Amino acid sequence: MDALLQTVSGAVQLMVSFSESDSDVMALDLSAGSELVKEASNMLCKVALQSADLWLRFNQPAMQTRMIKSAKLLSVAAEDISAAAKMLDTSTAAGPIPKDDFANGKTILLRGAKGVMEHMVILMTTADAYEVARGV
């Protein structure tokens, strides 16, 4: 799991760096990284949604709700990254991408990247808290 999270973190870091740069030229192909992030996020969401009910064993419905909410927001953030990568894909564009569309794509990419990292951290810390509560 750590290797997967490090890979996702690396891909997200590249996306954040690109989205915060002043460049208006697409210097890298985001499609592979966005698909990696999307697949990893989907896997983590599935596990989180399946294990959220375990919090009820400790009479902690707020923690269950936190996991479910973060899983859903992680999924949205991963979709944002995927959509932004498609918007910024110059290989499929009929011509140059208009500056406003390019800027909008970078904004969506940044929002998605930040959301992925935020909600992955929430899910991982909530899972760690469960392990502590369980006594492992």
C-alpha atoms as a PDB file:
ATOM      1  CA  MET A   1       0.000   0.000   0.000  1.00  0.00           C
ATOM      2  CA  ASP A   2       2.866   2.388   0.810  1.00  0.00           C
ATOM      3  CA  ALA A   3       4.396   1.933  -2.649  1.00  0.00           C
ATOM      4  CA  LEU A   4       1.051   2.679  -4.275  1.00  0.00           C
ATOM      5  CA  LEU A   5       0.569   5.814  -2.188  1.00  0.00           C
ATOM      6  CA  GLN A   6       4.095   6.990  -2.998  1.00  0.00           C
ATOM      7  CA  THR A   7       3.442   6.483  -6.704  1.00  0.00           C
ATOM      8  CA  VAL A   8       0.167   8.401  -6.507  1.00  0.00           C
ATOM      9  CA  SER A   9       1.858  11.126  -4.494  1.00  0.00           C
ATOM     10  CA  GLY A  10       4.584  11.442  -7.129  1.00  0.00           C
ATOM     11  CA  ALA A  11       2.044  11.684  -9.948  1.00  0.00           C
ATOM     12  CA  VAL A  12      -0.001  14.250  -8.042  1.00  0.00           C
ATOM     13  CA  GLN A  13       3.116  16.261  -7.254  1.00  0.00           C
ATOM     14  CA  LEU A  14       3.918  16.525 -10.971  1.00  0.00           C
ATOM     15  CA  MET A  15       0.356  17.644 -11.676  1.00  0.00           C
ATOM     16  CA  VAL A  16       0.491  20.288  -8.956  1.00  0.00           C
ATOM     17  CA  SER A  17       3.846  21.560 -10.228  1.00  0.00           C
ATOM     18  CA  PHE A  18       2.487  21.832 -13.756  1.00  0.00           C
ATOM     19  CA  SER A  19      -0.785  23.462 -12.711  1.00  0.00           C
ATOM     20  CA  GLU A  20       1.036  26.081 -10.635  1.00  0.00           C
ATOM     21  CA  SER A  21       3.593  26.859 -13.347  1.00  0.00           C
ATOM     22  CA  ASP A  22       3.368  29.882 -15.604  1.00  0.00           C
ATOM     23  CA  SER A  23       3.672  27.666 -18.656  1.00  0.00           C
ATOM     24  CA  ASP A  24       0.845  27.749 -21.129  1.00  0.00           C
ATOM     25  CA  VAL A  25       2.322  24.861 -23.084  1.00  0.00           C
ATOM     26  CA  MET A  26       1.573  21.265 -22.225  1.00  0.00           C
ATOM     27  CA  ALA A  27       5.003  19.817 -21.472  1.00  0.00           C
ATOM     28  CA  LEU A  28       3.951  16.344 -20.382  1.00  0.00           C
ATOM     29  CA  ASP A  29       1.293  13.754 -21.028  1.00  0.00           C
ATOM     30  CA  LEU A  30      -1.000  13.670 -18.015  1.00  0.00           C
ATOM     31  CA  SER A  31      -3.190  10.815 -19.205  1.00  0.00           C
ATOM     32  CA  ALA A  32      -1.112   7.956 -17.764  1.00  0.00           C
ATOM     33  CA  GLY A  33      -0.667   9.684 -14.418  1.00  0.00           C
ATOM     34  CA  SER A  34      -4.321  10.654 -14.231  1.00  0.00           C
ATOM     35  CA  GLU A  35      -5.420   7.087 -14.909  1.00  0.00           C
ATOM     36  CA  LEU A  36      -3.027   5.779 -12.248  1.00  0.00           C
ATOM     37  CA  VAL A  37      -4.435   8.260  -9.727  1.00  0.00           C
ATOM     38  CA  LYS A  38      -8.005   7.417 -10.730  1.00  0.00           C
ATOM     39  CA  GLU A  39      -7.503   3.651 -10.420  1.00  0.00           C
ATOM     40  CA  ALA A  40      -5.660   3.923  -7.095  1.00  0.00           C
ATOM     41  CA  SER A  41      -8.315   6.289  -5.753  1.00  0.00           C
ATOM     42  CA  ASN A  42     -11.103   3.962  -6.865  1.00  0.00           C
ATOM     43  CA  MET A  43      -9.403   1.055  -5.119  1.00  0.00           C
ATOM     44  CA  LEU A  44      -8.938   3.037  -1.899  1.00  0.00           C
ATOM     45  CA  CYS A  45     -12.549   4.274  -2.048  1.00  0.00           C
ATOM     46  CA  LYS A  46     -13.837   0.739  -2.439  1.00  0.00           C
ATOM     47  CA  VAL A  47     -11.849  -0.482   0.574  1.00  0.00           C
ATOM     48  CA  ALA A  48     -12.874   2.561   2.647  1.00  0.00           C
ATOM     49  CA  LEU A  49     -16.566   2.159   1.858  1.00  0.00           C
ATOM     50  CA  GLN A  50     -16.414  -1.545   2.682  1.00  0.00           C
ATOM     51  CA  SER A  51     -14.642  -0.973   5.999  1.00  0.00           C
ATOM     52  CA  ALA A  52     -16.473   2.179   7.163  1.00  0.00           C
ATOM     53  CA  ASP A  53     -19.084   0.103   8.975  1.00  0.00           C
ATOM     54  CA  LEU A  54     -16.352  -1.351  11.204  1.00  0.00           C
ATOM     55  CA  TRP A  55     -16.451   1.910  13.168  1.00  0.00           C
ATOM     56  CA  LEU A  56     -19.885   0.955  14.432  1.00  0.00           C
ATOM     57  CA  ARG A  57     -18.245  -1.804  16.476  1.00  0.00           C
ATOM     58  CA  PHE A  58     -16.779   0.967  18.613  1.00  0.00           C
ATOM     59  CA  ASN A  59     -19.961   3.058  18.610  1.00  0.00           C
ATOM     60  CA  GLN A  60     -18.243   5.681  16.429  1.00  0.00           C
ATOM     61  CA  PRO A  61     -20.751   6.659  13.721  1.00  0.00           C
ATOM     62  CA  ALA A  62     -18.940   9.985  13.190  1.00  0.00           C
ATOM     63  CA  MET A  63     -15.816   8.111  12.078  1.00  0.00           C
ATOM     64  CA  GLN A  64     -17.923   5.978   9.751  1.00  0.00           C
ATOM     65  CA  THR A  65     -19.434   9.134   8.263  1.00  0.00           C
ATOM     66  CA  ARG A  66     -15.968  10.674   7.930  1.00  0.00           C
ATOM     67  CA  MET A  67     -14.709   7.694   5.946  1.00  0.00           C
ATOM     68  CA  ILE A  68     -17.720   7.616   3.654  1.00  0.00           C
ATOM     69  CA  LYS A  69     -17.578  11.367   3.031  1.00  0.00           C
ATOM     70  CA  SER A  70     -13.837  11.318   2.310  1.00  0.00           C
ATOM     71  CA  ALA A  71     -14.177   8.319   0.006  1.00  0.00           C
ATOM     72  CA  LYS A  72     -16.825  10.137  -2.031  1.00  0.00           C
ATOM     73  CA  LEU A  73     -14.771  13.348  -2.152  1.00  0.00           C
ATOM     74  CA  LEU A  74     -11.670  11.370  -3.155  1.00  0.00           C
ATOM     75  CA  SER A  75     -13.612   9.893  -6.030  1.00  0.00           C
ATOM     76  CA  VAL A  76     -14.738  13.372  -7.151  1.00  0.00           C
ATOM     77  CA  ALA A  77     -11.174  14.689  -6.956  1.00  0.00           C
ATOM     78  CA  ALA A  78      -9.864  11.778  -9.041  1.00  0.00           C
ATOM     79  CA  GLU A  79     -12.569  12.458 -11.633  1.00  0.00           C
ATOM     80  CA  ASP A  80     -11.484  16.120 -11.702  1.00  0.00           C
ATOM     81  CA  ILE A  81      -7.917  15.052 -12.462  1.00  0.00           C
ATOM     82  CA  SER A  82      -9.105  12.758 -15.240  1.00  0.00           C
ATOM     83  CA  ALA A  83     -11.304  15.483 -16.758  1.00  0.00           C
ATOM     84  CA  ALA A  84      -8.492  18.051 -16.557  1.00  0.00           C
ATOM     85  CA  ALA A  85      -6.040  15.671 -18.215  1.00  0.00           C
ATOM     86  CA  LYS A  86      -8.481  15.253 -21.096  1.00  0.00           C
ATOM     87  CA  MET A  87      -8.989  19.022 -21.354  1.00  0.00           C
ATOM     88  CA  LEU A  88      -5.232  19.568 -21.486  1.00  0.00           C
ATOM     89  CA  ASP A  89      -4.481  16.745 -23.928  1.00  0.00           C
ATOM     90  CA  THR A  90      -3.062  18.493 -26.974  1.00  0.00           C
ATOM     91  CA  SER A  91      -2.667  15.228 -28.881  1.00  0.00           C
ATOM     92  CA  THR A  92      -6.428  14.896 -29.358  1.00  0.00           C
ATOM     93  CA  ALA A  93      -7.183  18.604 -29.873  1.00  0.00           C
ATOM     94  CA  ALA A  94      -8.036  19.789 -33.374  1.00  0.00           C
ATOM     95  CA  GLY A  95      -5.725  22.758 -32.867  1.00  0.00           C
ATOM     96  CA  PRO A  96      -4.154  24.755 -30.107  1.00  0.00           C
ATOM     97  CA  ILE A  97      -6.124  24.743 -26.854  1.00  0.00           C
ATOM     98  CA  PRO A  98      -7.590  28.200 -26.191  1.00  0.00           C
ATOM     99  CA  LYS A  99      -5.822  30.024 -23.320  1.00  0.00           C
ATOM    100  CA  ASP A 100      -8.987  30.209 -21.202  1.00  0.00           C
ATOM    101  CA  ASP A 101      -9.624  26.472 -21.597  1.00  0.00           C
ATOM    102  CA  PHE A 102      -5.980  25.744 -20.796  1.00  0.00           C
ATOM    103  CA  ALA A 103      -6.122  27.920 -17.654  1.00  0.00           C
ATOM    104  CA  ASN A 104      -9.408  26.317 -16.612  1.00  0.00           C
ATOM    105  CA  GLY A 105      -7.918  22.851 -17.114  1.00  0.00           C
ATOM    106  CA  LYS A 106      -4.938  23.749 -14.939  1.00  0.00           C
ATOM    107  CA  THR A 107      -7.278  25.044 -12.211  1.00  0.00           C
ATOM    108  CA  ILE A 108      -9.337  21.845 -12.272  1.00  0.00           C
ATOM    109  CA  LEU A 109      -6.138  19.781 -12.242  1.00  0.00           C
ATOM    110  CA  LEU A 110      -4.844  21.621  -9.176  1.00  0.00           C
ATOM    111  CA  ARG A 111      -8.177  21.342  -7.349  1.00  0.00           C
ATOM    112  CA  GLY A 112      -8.331  17.612  -8.109  1.00  0.00           C
ATOM    113  CA  ALA A 113      -4.719  16.987  -7.094  1.00  0.00           C
ATOM    114  CA  LYS A 114      -5.165  18.768  -3.787  1.00  0.00           C
ATOM    115  CA  GLY A 115      -8.423  16.900  -3.160  1.00  0.00           C
ATOM    116  CA  VAL A 116      -6.825  13.526  -3.864  1.00  0.00           C
ATOM    117  CA  MET A 117      -4.007  14.156  -1.431  1.00  0.00           C
ATOM    118  CA  GLU A 118      -6.301  15.602   1.248  1.00  0.00           C
ATOM    119  CA  HIS A 119      -8.785  12.747   1.164  1.00  0.00           C
ATOM    120  CA  MET A 120      -6.177  10.004   0.857  1.00  0.00           C
ATOM    121  CA  VAL A 121      -4.563  11.361   4.010  1.00  0.00           C
ATOM    122  CA  ILE A 122      -7.940  11.490   5.802  1.00  0.00           C
ATOM    123  CA  LEU A 123      -8.744   7.915   4.809  1.00  0.00           C
ATOM    124  CA  MET A 124      -5.326   6.645   5.807  1.00  0.00           C
ATOM    125  CA  THR A 125      -5.364   8.407   9.194  1.00  0.00           C
ATOM    126  CA  THR A 126      -8.903   7.179   9.845  1.00  0.00           C
ATOM    127  CA  ALA A 127      -7.813   3.625   9.010  1.00  0.00           C
ATOM    128  CA  ASP A 128      -4.817   4.008  11.342  1.00  0.00           C
ATOM    129  CA  ALA A 129      -7.109   5.294  14.103  1.00  0.00           C
ATOM    130  CA  TYR A 130      -9.280   2.196  13.626  1.00  0.00           C
ATOM    131  CA  GLU A 131      -6.253  -0.055  14.042  1.00  0.00           C
ATOM    132  CA  VAL A 132      -5.345   1.781  17.266  1.00  0.00           C
ATOM    133  CA  ALA A 133      -8.931   1.526  18.556  1.00  0.00           C
ATOM    134  CA  ARG A 134      -8.925  -2.148  17.723  1.00  0.00           C
ATOM    135  CA  GLY A 135      -5.732  -2.621  19.685  1.00  0.00           C
ATOM    136  CA  VAL A 136      -3.512  -3.809  16.869  1.00  0.00           C
END
